[in-house]
Amino acid sequence: MKKRLIAILILIMMLACLASCRSARADLKFYVLKKADVAENMADSALLAAAKRDGRVAFTGEDLRGWYWPDHQVLLRDLSVYGGAEEGGSKLFQAQAGDIFVLVLGNRILYSGGFASEEETLGNTKEIYIEDGTADNFAVVCRNEYEAEQDPRNVTALYDYLAEYDLLSGVK
């Protein structure tokens, strides 16, 4: 009887561990917000609140297949967000040129940015932006070149998260 009870307790602990790993992996979220839902120069706390309230979750960590860290090429598993966009933006994320994205880990914004624009003007460019690839990948791009340690995309918390879940990809 004791052995059976111990086996059941071990099984329950393993299931709880699996459930917590799954929910922790879902803590990485990529929100898409419409331009109308965002004010210029919003504080991170206000941007996070707007993302959770008005944003659309385009993918979570569970949807990642890999992240090629040197040039931030991101590979997704199965895409259900593919749609249309006009005049720039992102077909992959159904976003227009003025929309923004917010990459969140738990309750912390890792970074935010825009989407590639066919008509780049000073008023609608973001330092970091998304550039569509094929149907299952995209790139997180910077408008300026930085040394690796200064690149705003190189967030230690994101790198650690990707390493923990074996999502750092060595091949594009």
N, C-alpha and C. Protein backbone atom coordinates (compact mmCIF):
# COMPACT_ATOMS: atom_id res chain seq x y z
N MET A 1 0.81 -1.20 0.00
CA MET A 1 0.00 0.00 0.00
C MET A 1 0.86 1.27 0.00
N LYS A 2 1.93 1.26 0.81
CA LYS A 2 2.81 2.43 0.87
C LYS A 2 3.48 2.68 -0.47
N LYS A 3 3.89 1.60 -1.15
CA LYS A 3 4.55 1.76 -2.45
C LYS A 3 3.59 2.37 -3.46
N ARG A 4 2.36 1.93 -3.41
CA ARG A 4 1.35 2.47 -4.33
C ARG A 4 1.11 3.95 -4.05
N LEU A 5 1.03 4.31 -2.79
CA LEU A 5 0.83 5.70 -2.39
C LEU A 5 2.02 6.56 -2.84
N ILE A 6 3.24 6.05 -2.67
CA ILE A 6 4.43 6.79 -3.10
C ILE A 6 4.43 6.95 -4.61
N ALA A 7 4.07 5.90 -5.33
CA ALA A 7 4.03 5.97 -6.80
C ALA A 7 3.00 7.01 -7.26
N ILE A 8 1.86 7.04 -6.60
CA ILE A 8 0.82 8.02 -6.95
C ILE A 8 1.30 9.44 -6.66
N LEU A 9 1.96 9.64 -5.52
CA LEU A 9 2.50 10.96 -5.18
C LEU A 9 3.56 11.41 -6.19
N ILE A 10 4.41 10.49 -6.60
CA ILE A 10 5.44 10.83 -7.59
C ILE A 10 4.79 11.20 -8.91
N LEU A 11 3.77 10.46 -9.31
CA LEU A 11 3.06 10.75 -10.55
C LEU A 11 2.40 12.13 -10.49
N ILE A 12 1.79 12.45 -9.37
CA ILE A 12 1.14 13.76 -9.19
C ILE A 12 2.18 14.87 -9.27
N MET A 13 3.35 14.67 -8.64
CA MET A 13 4.41 15.68 -8.69
C MET A 13 4.93 15.86 -10.11
N MET A 14 5.06 14.78 -10.86
CA MET A 14 5.53 14.88 -12.24
C MET A 14 4.52 15.63 -13.10
N LEU A 15 3.24 15.35 -12.92
CA LEU A 15 2.20 16.05 -13.68
C LEU A 15 2.17 17.54 -13.33
N ALA A 16 2.33 17.85 -12.06
CA ALA A 16 2.36 19.25 -11.64
C ALA A 16 3.57 19.96 -12.24
N CYS A 17 4.69 19.27 -12.28
CA CYS A 17 5.90 19.85 -12.86
C CYS A 17 5.71 20.11 -14.35
N LEU A 18 5.11 19.17 -15.06
CA LEU A 18 4.84 19.35 -16.48
C LEU A 18 3.89 20.52 -16.72
N ALA A 19 2.87 20.62 -15.91
CA ALA A 19 1.90 21.72 -16.05
C ALA A 19 2.57 23.06 -15.79
N SER A 20 3.44 23.14 -14.80
CA SER A 20 4.11 24.41 -14.52
C SER A 20 5.09 24.77 -15.63
N CYS A 21 5.77 23.78 -16.22
CA CYS A 21 6.67 24.05 -17.35
C CYS A 21 5.88 24.59 -18.53
N ARG A 22 4.73 24.00 -18.79
CA ARG A 22 3.91 24.44 -19.92
C ARG A 22 3.43 25.87 -19.69
N SER A 23 2.98 26.18 -18.49
CA SER A 23 2.50 27.54 -18.24
C SER A 23 3.65 28.53 -18.24
N ALA A 24 4.83 28.13 -17.75
CA ALA A 24 5.99 29.03 -17.77
C ALA A 24 6.40 29.32 -19.20
N ARG A 25 6.31 28.33 -20.08
CA ARG A 25 6.68 28.54 -21.47
C ARG A 25 5.70 29.50 -22.14
N ALA A 26 4.45 29.46 -21.71
CA ALA A 26 3.43 30.36 -22.26
C ALA A 26 3.57 31.78 -21.71
N ASP A 27 4.49 31.99 -20.76
CA ASP A 27 4.69 33.33 -20.19
C ASP A 27 5.29 34.31 -21.20
N LEU A 28 5.93 33.80 -22.26
CA LEU A 28 6.43 34.67 -23.31
C LEU A 28 5.28 34.92 -24.28
N LYS A 29 4.92 36.19 -24.43
CA LYS A 29 3.79 36.54 -25.31
C LYS A 29 4.19 37.66 -26.25
N PHE A 30 3.71 37.56 -27.47
CA PHE A 30 3.94 38.56 -28.50
C PHE A 30 2.58 39.18 -28.82
N TYR A 31 2.39 40.42 -28.37
CA TYR A 31 1.12 41.12 -28.58
C TYR A 31 1.23 42.02 -29.81
N VAL A 32 0.12 42.17 -30.52
CA VAL A 32 0.01 43.14 -31.61
C VAL A 32 -1.07 44.14 -31.20
N LEU A 33 -0.71 45.42 -31.24
CA LEU A 33 -1.66 46.48 -30.90
C LEU A 33 -1.87 47.39 -32.10
N LYS A 34 -3.11 47.79 -32.28
CA LYS A 34 -3.44 48.75 -33.34
C LYS A 34 -2.89 50.12 -32.95
N LYS A 35 -2.55 50.89 -33.96
CA LYS A 35 -2.00 52.23 -33.75
C LYS A 35 -2.92 53.09 -32.88
N ALA A 36 -4.21 52.96 -33.05
CA ALA A 36 -5.18 53.77 -32.29
C ALA A 36 -5.18 53.45 -30.80
N ASP A 37 -4.69 52.28 -30.41
CA ASP A 37 -4.70 51.87 -29.01
C ASP A 37 -3.45 52.27 -28.25
N VAL A 38 -2.52 52.96 -28.92
CA VAL A 38 -1.24 53.30 -28.31
C VAL A 38 -0.98 54.79 -28.44
N ALA A 39 -0.56 55.40 -27.35
CA ALA A 39 -0.16 56.80 -27.37
C ALA A 39 1.36 56.87 -27.53
N GLU A 40 1.84 57.96 -28.10
CA GLU A 40 3.28 58.14 -28.29
C GLU A 40 3.97 58.23 -26.93
N ASN A 41 5.10 57.60 -26.80
CA ASN A 41 5.94 57.63 -25.59
C ASN A 41 5.22 57.12 -24.34
N MET A 42 4.45 56.05 -24.47
CA MET A 42 3.79 55.46 -23.30
C MET A 42 4.83 54.83 -22.38
N ALA A 43 4.61 54.94 -21.09
CA ALA A 43 5.48 54.26 -20.12
C ALA A 43 5.26 52.75 -20.27
N ASP A 44 6.26 51.96 -19.88
CA ASP A 44 6.16 50.51 -20.02
C ASP A 44 4.93 49.95 -19.30
N SER A 45 4.62 50.48 -18.12
CA SER A 45 3.47 49.96 -17.38
C SER A 45 2.17 50.22 -18.14
N ALA A 46 2.05 51.38 -18.75
CA ALA A 46 0.84 51.70 -19.53
C ALA A 46 0.80 50.88 -20.81
N LEU A 47 1.94 50.67 -21.44
CA LEU A 47 2.01 49.87 -22.65
C LEU A 47 1.65 48.41 -22.36
N LEU A 48 2.15 47.90 -21.24
CA LEU A 48 1.82 46.52 -20.84
C LEU A 48 0.32 46.39 -20.57
N ALA A 49 -0.25 47.36 -19.89
CA ALA A 49 -1.69 47.34 -19.61
C ALA A 49 -2.49 47.40 -20.91
N ALA A 50 -2.07 48.24 -21.85
CA ALA A 50 -2.75 48.33 -23.15
C ALA A 50 -2.63 47.04 -23.93
N ALA A 51 -1.46 46.41 -23.88
CA ALA A 51 -1.26 45.14 -24.59
C ALA A 51 -2.18 44.06 -24.04
N LYS A 52 -2.27 43.98 -22.73
CA LYS A 52 -3.12 42.95 -22.11
C LYS A 52 -4.60 43.25 -22.32
N ARG A 53 -4.97 44.52 -22.35
CA ARG A 53 -6.36 44.91 -22.49
C ARG A 53 -6.82 44.91 -23.95
N ASP A 54 -6.03 45.56 -24.83
CA ASP A 54 -6.47 45.78 -26.20
C ASP A 54 -5.70 44.98 -27.24
N GLY A 55 -4.59 44.39 -26.84
CA GLY A 55 -3.73 43.70 -27.80
C GLY A 55 -4.24 42.31 -28.14
N ARG A 56 -3.72 41.82 -29.25
CA ARG A 56 -4.02 40.46 -29.69
C ARG A 56 -2.75 39.65 -29.52
N VAL A 57 -2.85 38.50 -28.84
CA VAL A 57 -1.69 37.62 -28.69
C VAL A 57 -1.48 36.90 -30.01
N ALA A 58 -0.39 37.21 -30.69
CA ALA A 58 -0.10 36.59 -31.98
C ALA A 58 0.57 35.23 -31.79
N PHE A 59 1.44 35.12 -30.77
CA PHE A 59 2.03 33.83 -30.44
C PHE A 59 2.58 33.88 -29.02
N THR A 60 2.81 32.69 -28.47
CA THR A 60 3.44 32.55 -27.16
C THR A 60 4.71 31.72 -27.33
N GLY A 61 5.41 31.50 -26.24
CA GLY A 61 6.62 30.69 -26.28
C GLY A 61 6.36 29.28 -26.78
N GLU A 62 5.16 28.78 -26.57
CA GLU A 62 4.81 27.44 -27.03
C GLU A 62 4.79 27.35 -28.55
N ASP A 63 4.62 28.48 -29.22
CA ASP A 63 4.55 28.50 -30.69
C ASP A 63 5.91 28.64 -31.35
N LEU A 64 6.96 28.85 -30.55
CA LEU A 64 8.30 29.01 -31.11
C LEU A 64 8.93 27.67 -31.46
N ARG A 65 9.55 27.63 -32.62
CA ARG A 65 10.33 26.46 -33.03
C ARG A 65 11.81 26.73 -32.83
N GLY A 66 12.22 27.99 -32.95
CA GLY A 66 13.61 28.35 -32.75
C GLY A 66 13.82 29.85 -32.94
N TRP A 67 14.93 30.35 -32.40
CA TRP A 67 15.29 31.76 -32.49
C TRP A 67 16.77 31.82 -32.80
N TYR A 68 17.10 32.25 -34.01
CA TYR A 68 18.49 32.39 -34.42
C TYR A 68 19.01 33.71 -33.85
N TRP A 69 19.74 33.64 -32.75
CA TRP A 69 20.10 34.80 -31.97
C TRP A 69 20.99 35.82 -32.71
N PRO A 70 22.00 35.41 -33.49
CA PRO A 70 22.89 36.43 -34.09
C PRO A 70 22.17 37.50 -34.91
N ASP A 71 21.13 37.12 -35.67
CA ASP A 71 20.42 38.16 -36.41
C ASP A 71 18.91 38.12 -36.17
N HIS A 72 18.50 37.51 -35.08
CA HIS A 72 17.13 37.51 -34.59
C HIS A 72 16.10 37.06 -35.63
N GLN A 73 16.40 35.95 -36.29
CA GLN A 73 15.43 35.28 -37.14
C GLN A 73 14.62 34.36 -36.24
N VAL A 74 13.31 34.43 -36.31
CA VAL A 74 12.43 33.66 -35.43
C VAL A 74 11.64 32.66 -36.27
N LEU A 75 11.67 31.40 -35.85
CA LEU A 75 10.94 30.34 -36.53
C LEU A 75 9.75 29.93 -35.67
N LEU A 76 8.58 29.87 -36.28
CA LEU A 76 7.36 29.50 -35.57
C LEU A 76 6.94 28.08 -35.96
N ARG A 77 6.21 27.43 -35.08
CA ARG A 77 5.73 26.07 -35.35
C ARG A 77 4.60 26.09 -36.36
N ASP A 78 3.41 26.26 -35.90
CA ASP A 78 2.23 26.23 -36.76
C ASP A 78 1.58 27.60 -36.71
N LEU A 79 1.37 28.17 -37.85
CA LEU A 79 0.88 29.53 -37.88
C LEU A 79 -0.62 29.61 -38.09
N SER A 80 -1.28 30.30 -37.20
CA SER A 80 -2.71 30.52 -37.37
C SER A 80 -3.02 32.01 -37.46
N VAL A 81 -1.98 32.85 -37.50
CA VAL A 81 -2.21 34.28 -37.52
C VAL A 81 -2.03 34.87 -38.91
N TYR A 82 -1.70 34.08 -39.89
CA TYR A 82 -1.43 34.60 -41.22
C TYR A 82 -2.66 35.28 -41.79
N GLY A 83 -2.50 36.46 -42.34
CA GLY A 83 -3.62 37.21 -42.90
C GLY A 83 -3.12 38.30 -43.82
N GLY A 84 -3.94 39.28 -44.12
CA GLY A 84 -3.57 40.31 -45.08
C GLY A 84 -3.24 41.64 -44.43
N ALA A 85 -2.38 42.39 -45.10
CA ALA A 85 -2.07 43.75 -44.67
C ALA A 85 -1.82 44.57 -45.92
N GLU A 86 -2.11 45.84 -45.84
CA GLU A 86 -1.90 46.73 -46.98
C GLU A 86 -0.92 47.81 -46.60
N GLU A 87 -0.21 48.32 -47.58
CA GLU A 87 0.70 49.44 -47.40
C GLU A 87 1.70 49.20 -46.27
N GLY A 88 2.45 48.13 -46.38
CA GLY A 88 3.44 47.83 -45.36
C GLY A 88 2.83 47.02 -44.25
N GLY A 89 3.46 47.04 -43.11
CA GLY A 89 2.96 46.26 -42.00
C GLY A 89 3.44 44.84 -42.07
N SER A 90 2.60 43.90 -41.66
CA SER A 90 2.99 42.51 -41.62
C SER A 90 1.81 41.63 -42.00
N LYS A 91 1.96 40.86 -43.05
CA LYS A 91 0.93 39.89 -43.40
C LYS A 91 0.92 38.77 -42.38
N LEU A 92 2.09 38.42 -41.90
CA LEU A 92 2.22 37.35 -40.92
C LEU A 92 1.42 37.63 -39.66
N PHE A 93 1.44 38.88 -39.21
CA PHE A 93 0.76 39.24 -37.96
C PHE A 93 -0.48 40.09 -38.16
N GLN A 94 -0.96 40.19 -39.39
CA GLN A 94 -2.16 40.97 -39.71
C GLN A 94 -2.06 42.37 -39.13
N ALA A 95 -0.93 43.02 -39.37
CA ALA A 95 -0.67 44.34 -38.80
C ALA A 95 -0.43 45.35 -39.91
N GLN A 96 -0.87 46.55 -39.66
CA GLN A 96 -0.63 47.67 -40.57
C GLN A 96 0.67 48.36 -40.18
N ALA A 97 1.16 49.22 -41.04
CA ALA A 97 2.45 49.87 -40.82
C ALA A 97 2.52 50.65 -39.51
N GLY A 98 1.45 51.25 -39.05
CA GLY A 98 1.48 52.04 -37.82
C GLY A 98 1.26 51.24 -36.54
N ASP A 99 0.92 49.96 -36.67
CA ASP A 99 0.69 49.11 -35.49
C ASP A 99 2.01 48.81 -34.80
N ILE A 100 1.92 48.37 -33.56
CA ILE A 100 3.14 48.01 -32.83
C ILE A 100 3.02 46.61 -32.26
N PHE A 101 4.17 46.05 -31.89
CA PHE A 101 4.20 44.78 -31.19
C PHE A 101 4.85 45.00 -29.83
N VAL A 102 4.51 44.13 -28.90
CA VAL A 102 5.11 44.17 -27.57
C VAL A 102 5.48 42.74 -27.22
N LEU A 103 6.76 42.49 -26.93
CA LEU A 103 7.24 41.18 -26.51
C LEU A 103 7.33 41.18 -25.00
N VAL A 104 6.56 40.31 -24.35
CA VAL A 104 6.41 40.31 -22.91
C VAL A 104 6.82 38.95 -22.34
N LEU A 105 7.56 38.98 -21.25
CA LEU A 105 7.89 37.76 -20.50
C LEU A 105 7.33 37.94 -19.11
N GLY A 106 6.30 37.17 -18.79
CA GLY A 106 5.61 37.34 -17.51
C GLY A 106 4.91 38.68 -17.50
N ASN A 107 5.33 39.55 -16.60
CA ASN A 107 4.79 40.91 -16.54
C ASN A 107 5.85 41.95 -16.85
N ARG A 108 6.82 41.57 -17.67
CA ARG A 108 7.92 42.48 -18.02
C ARG A 108 7.99 42.62 -19.54
N ILE A 109 8.01 43.86 -20.00
CA ILE A 109 8.19 44.11 -21.42
C ILE A 109 9.67 43.95 -21.74
N LEU A 110 9.97 43.02 -22.66
CA LEU A 110 11.36 42.84 -23.08
C LEU A 110 11.73 43.93 -24.08
N TYR A 111 10.88 44.16 -25.05
CA TYR A 111 10.98 45.29 -25.96
C TYR A 111 9.74 45.39 -26.80
N SER A 112 9.61 46.52 -27.47
CA SER A 112 8.46 46.74 -28.35
C SER A 112 8.97 47.41 -29.61
N GLY A 113 8.14 47.43 -30.62
CA GLY A 113 8.54 48.05 -31.87
C GLY A 113 7.40 48.08 -32.86
N GLY A 114 7.74 48.30 -34.11
CA GLY A 114 6.74 48.42 -35.15
C GLY A 114 6.85 47.30 -36.17
N PHE A 115 6.27 47.55 -37.31
CA PHE A 115 6.29 46.60 -38.42
C PHE A 115 6.88 47.31 -39.62
N ALA A 116 7.55 46.58 -40.48
CA ALA A 116 8.20 47.17 -41.65
C ALA A 116 7.19 48.00 -42.43
N SER A 117 7.64 49.13 -42.89
CA SER A 117 6.78 50.03 -43.64
C SER A 117 7.33 50.23 -45.03
N GLU A 118 6.46 50.16 -46.02
CA GLU A 118 6.90 50.41 -47.39
C GLU A 118 7.24 51.89 -47.57
N GLU A 119 6.55 52.72 -46.85
CA GLU A 119 6.76 54.17 -46.95
C GLU A 119 7.31 54.65 -45.61
N GLU A 120 8.64 54.65 -45.49
CA GLU A 120 9.24 55.00 -44.21
C GLU A 120 9.37 56.51 -44.08
N THR A 121 8.67 57.03 -43.10
CA THR A 121 8.80 58.44 -42.77
C THR A 121 9.24 58.52 -41.32
N LEU A 122 9.75 59.63 -40.91
CA LEU A 122 10.22 59.75 -39.53
C LEU A 122 9.10 59.53 -38.53
N GLY A 123 7.88 59.81 -38.90
CA GLY A 123 6.77 59.69 -37.96
C GLY A 123 6.31 58.27 -37.72
N ASN A 124 6.59 57.32 -38.61
CA ASN A 124 6.04 55.99 -38.40
C ASN A 124 7.10 54.90 -38.30
N THR A 125 8.34 55.26 -38.02
CA THR A 125 9.37 54.24 -37.86
C THR A 125 9.66 54.01 -36.40
N LYS A 126 9.91 52.78 -36.07
CA LYS A 126 10.33 52.39 -34.72
C LYS A 126 11.75 51.86 -34.83
N GLU A 127 12.51 52.00 -33.76
CA GLU A 127 13.89 51.52 -33.75
C GLU A 127 13.94 50.01 -34.03
N ILE A 128 13.08 49.26 -33.40
CA ILE A 128 12.99 47.82 -33.61
C ILE A 128 11.72 47.56 -34.39
N TYR A 129 11.81 46.71 -35.40
CA TYR A 129 10.61 46.40 -36.18
C TYR A 129 10.64 44.97 -36.69
N ILE A 130 9.48 44.49 -37.09
CA ILE A 130 9.31 43.13 -37.59
C ILE A 130 9.33 43.15 -39.11
N GLU A 131 10.05 42.22 -39.66
CA GLU A 131 10.10 42.05 -41.10
C GLU A 131 9.68 40.61 -41.41
N ASP A 132 8.59 40.45 -42.15
CA ASP A 132 8.11 39.10 -42.48
C ASP A 132 9.14 38.33 -43.27
N GLY A 133 9.17 37.03 -43.02
CA GLY A 133 9.97 36.11 -43.83
C GLY A 133 9.01 35.29 -44.67
N THR A 134 9.17 33.99 -44.62
CA THR A 134 8.22 33.12 -45.30
C THR A 134 7.04 32.90 -44.38
N ALA A 135 6.23 31.91 -44.68
CA ALA A 135 5.00 31.69 -43.92
C ALA A 135 5.21 31.33 -42.46
N ASP A 136 6.41 30.88 -42.08
CA ASP A 136 6.60 30.44 -40.69
C ASP A 136 7.77 31.13 -39.99
N ASN A 137 8.24 32.26 -40.51
CA ASN A 137 9.32 32.94 -39.82
C ASN A 137 9.29 34.45 -40.07
N PHE A 138 10.02 35.15 -39.23
CA PHE A 138 10.13 36.60 -39.36
C PHE A 138 11.45 37.01 -38.72
N ALA A 139 11.83 38.25 -38.92
CA ALA A 139 13.05 38.78 -38.32
C ALA A 139 12.69 39.97 -37.44
N VAL A 140 13.37 40.08 -36.33
CA VAL A 140 13.30 41.26 -35.49
C VAL A 140 14.51 42.10 -35.89
N VAL A 141 14.28 43.25 -36.49
CA VAL A 141 15.33 44.04 -37.11
C VAL A 141 15.49 45.37 -36.38
N CYS A 142 16.72 45.90 -36.39
CA CYS A 142 17.00 47.24 -35.85
C CYS A 142 17.32 48.18 -37.00
N ARG A 143 16.84 49.40 -36.91
CA ARG A 143 17.12 50.38 -37.96
C ARG A 143 18.58 50.84 -37.91
N ASN A 144 19.20 50.79 -36.75
CA ASN A 144 20.60 51.21 -36.61
C ASN A 144 21.46 50.00 -36.27
N GLU A 145 22.73 50.10 -36.57
CA GLU A 145 23.66 49.03 -36.22
C GLU A 145 24.26 49.33 -34.85
N TYR A 146 24.39 48.27 -34.05
CA TYR A 146 24.92 48.40 -32.70
C TYR A 146 25.99 47.35 -32.49
N GLU A 147 26.84 47.58 -31.52
CA GLU A 147 27.71 46.51 -31.04
C GLU A 147 26.79 45.53 -30.32
N ALA A 148 27.19 44.27 -30.26
CA ALA A 148 26.33 43.22 -29.70
C ALA A 148 25.82 43.56 -28.31
N GLU A 149 26.70 44.09 -27.46
CA GLU A 149 26.29 44.38 -26.08
C GLU A 149 25.35 45.57 -25.98
N GLN A 150 25.24 46.40 -27.02
CA GLN A 150 24.36 47.56 -26.99
C GLN A 150 23.06 47.34 -27.78
N ASP A 151 22.99 46.28 -28.54
CA ASP A 151 21.82 46.00 -29.37
C ASP A 151 20.58 45.86 -28.48
N PRO A 152 19.55 46.68 -28.69
CA PRO A 152 18.37 46.63 -27.83
C PRO A 152 17.59 45.31 -27.92
N ARG A 153 17.87 44.49 -28.94
CA ARG A 153 17.20 43.19 -29.06
C ARG A 153 17.86 42.14 -28.18
N ASN A 154 19.09 42.37 -27.78
CA ASN A 154 19.83 41.38 -26.99
C ASN A 154 19.52 41.51 -25.50
N VAL A 155 18.34 41.10 -25.13
CA VAL A 155 17.88 41.17 -23.75
C VAL A 155 18.24 39.86 -23.06
N THR A 156 18.97 39.96 -21.96
CA THR A 156 19.44 38.77 -21.25
C THR A 156 18.29 37.87 -20.83
N ALA A 157 17.20 38.43 -20.36
CA ALA A 157 16.06 37.62 -19.92
C ALA A 157 15.49 36.80 -21.08
N LEU A 158 15.44 37.37 -22.27
CA LEU A 158 14.96 36.63 -23.44
C LEU A 158 15.94 35.52 -23.80
N TYR A 159 17.23 35.82 -23.81
CA TYR A 159 18.24 34.82 -24.13
C TYR A 159 18.16 33.66 -23.14
N ASP A 160 18.06 33.97 -21.85
CA ASP A 160 17.97 32.93 -20.83
C ASP A 160 16.72 32.08 -21.01
N TYR A 161 15.62 32.73 -21.32
CA TYR A 161 14.36 32.01 -21.56
C TYR A 161 14.53 31.05 -22.74
N LEU A 162 15.07 31.53 -23.86
CA LEU A 162 15.25 30.71 -25.05
C LEU A 162 16.21 29.55 -24.77
N ALA A 163 17.26 29.81 -24.01
CA ALA A 163 18.22 28.76 -23.66
C ALA A 163 17.57 27.71 -22.77
N GLU A 164 16.77 28.16 -21.80
CA GLU A 164 16.12 27.22 -20.87
C GLU A 164 15.21 26.24 -21.61
N TYR A 165 14.52 26.71 -22.64
CA TYR A 165 13.59 25.85 -23.37
C TYR A 165 14.19 25.31 -24.67
N ASP A 166 15.51 25.42 -24.80
CA ASP A 166 16.24 24.88 -25.96
C ASP A 166 15.67 25.42 -27.28
N LEU A 167 15.45 26.73 -27.30
CA LEU A 167 14.89 27.38 -28.49
C LEU A 167 15.92 28.21 -29.26
N LEU A 168 17.15 28.28 -28.76
CA LEU A 168 18.19 28.98 -29.50
C LEU A 168 18.58 28.11 -30.68
N SER A 169 18.45 28.67 -31.85
CA SER A 169 18.68 27.92 -33.08
C SER A 169 20.06 28.27 -33.63
N GLY A 170 20.80 27.25 -34.06
CA GLY A 170 22.12 27.48 -34.62
C GLY A 170 22.10 27.62 -36.12
N VAL A 171 20.97 27.35 -36.73
CA VAL A 171 20.86 27.38 -38.20
C VAL A 171 19.65 28.21 -38.58
N LYS A 172 19.81 29.05 -39.60
CA LYS A 172 18.68 29.85 -40.10
C LYS A 172 17.68 28.96 -40.77
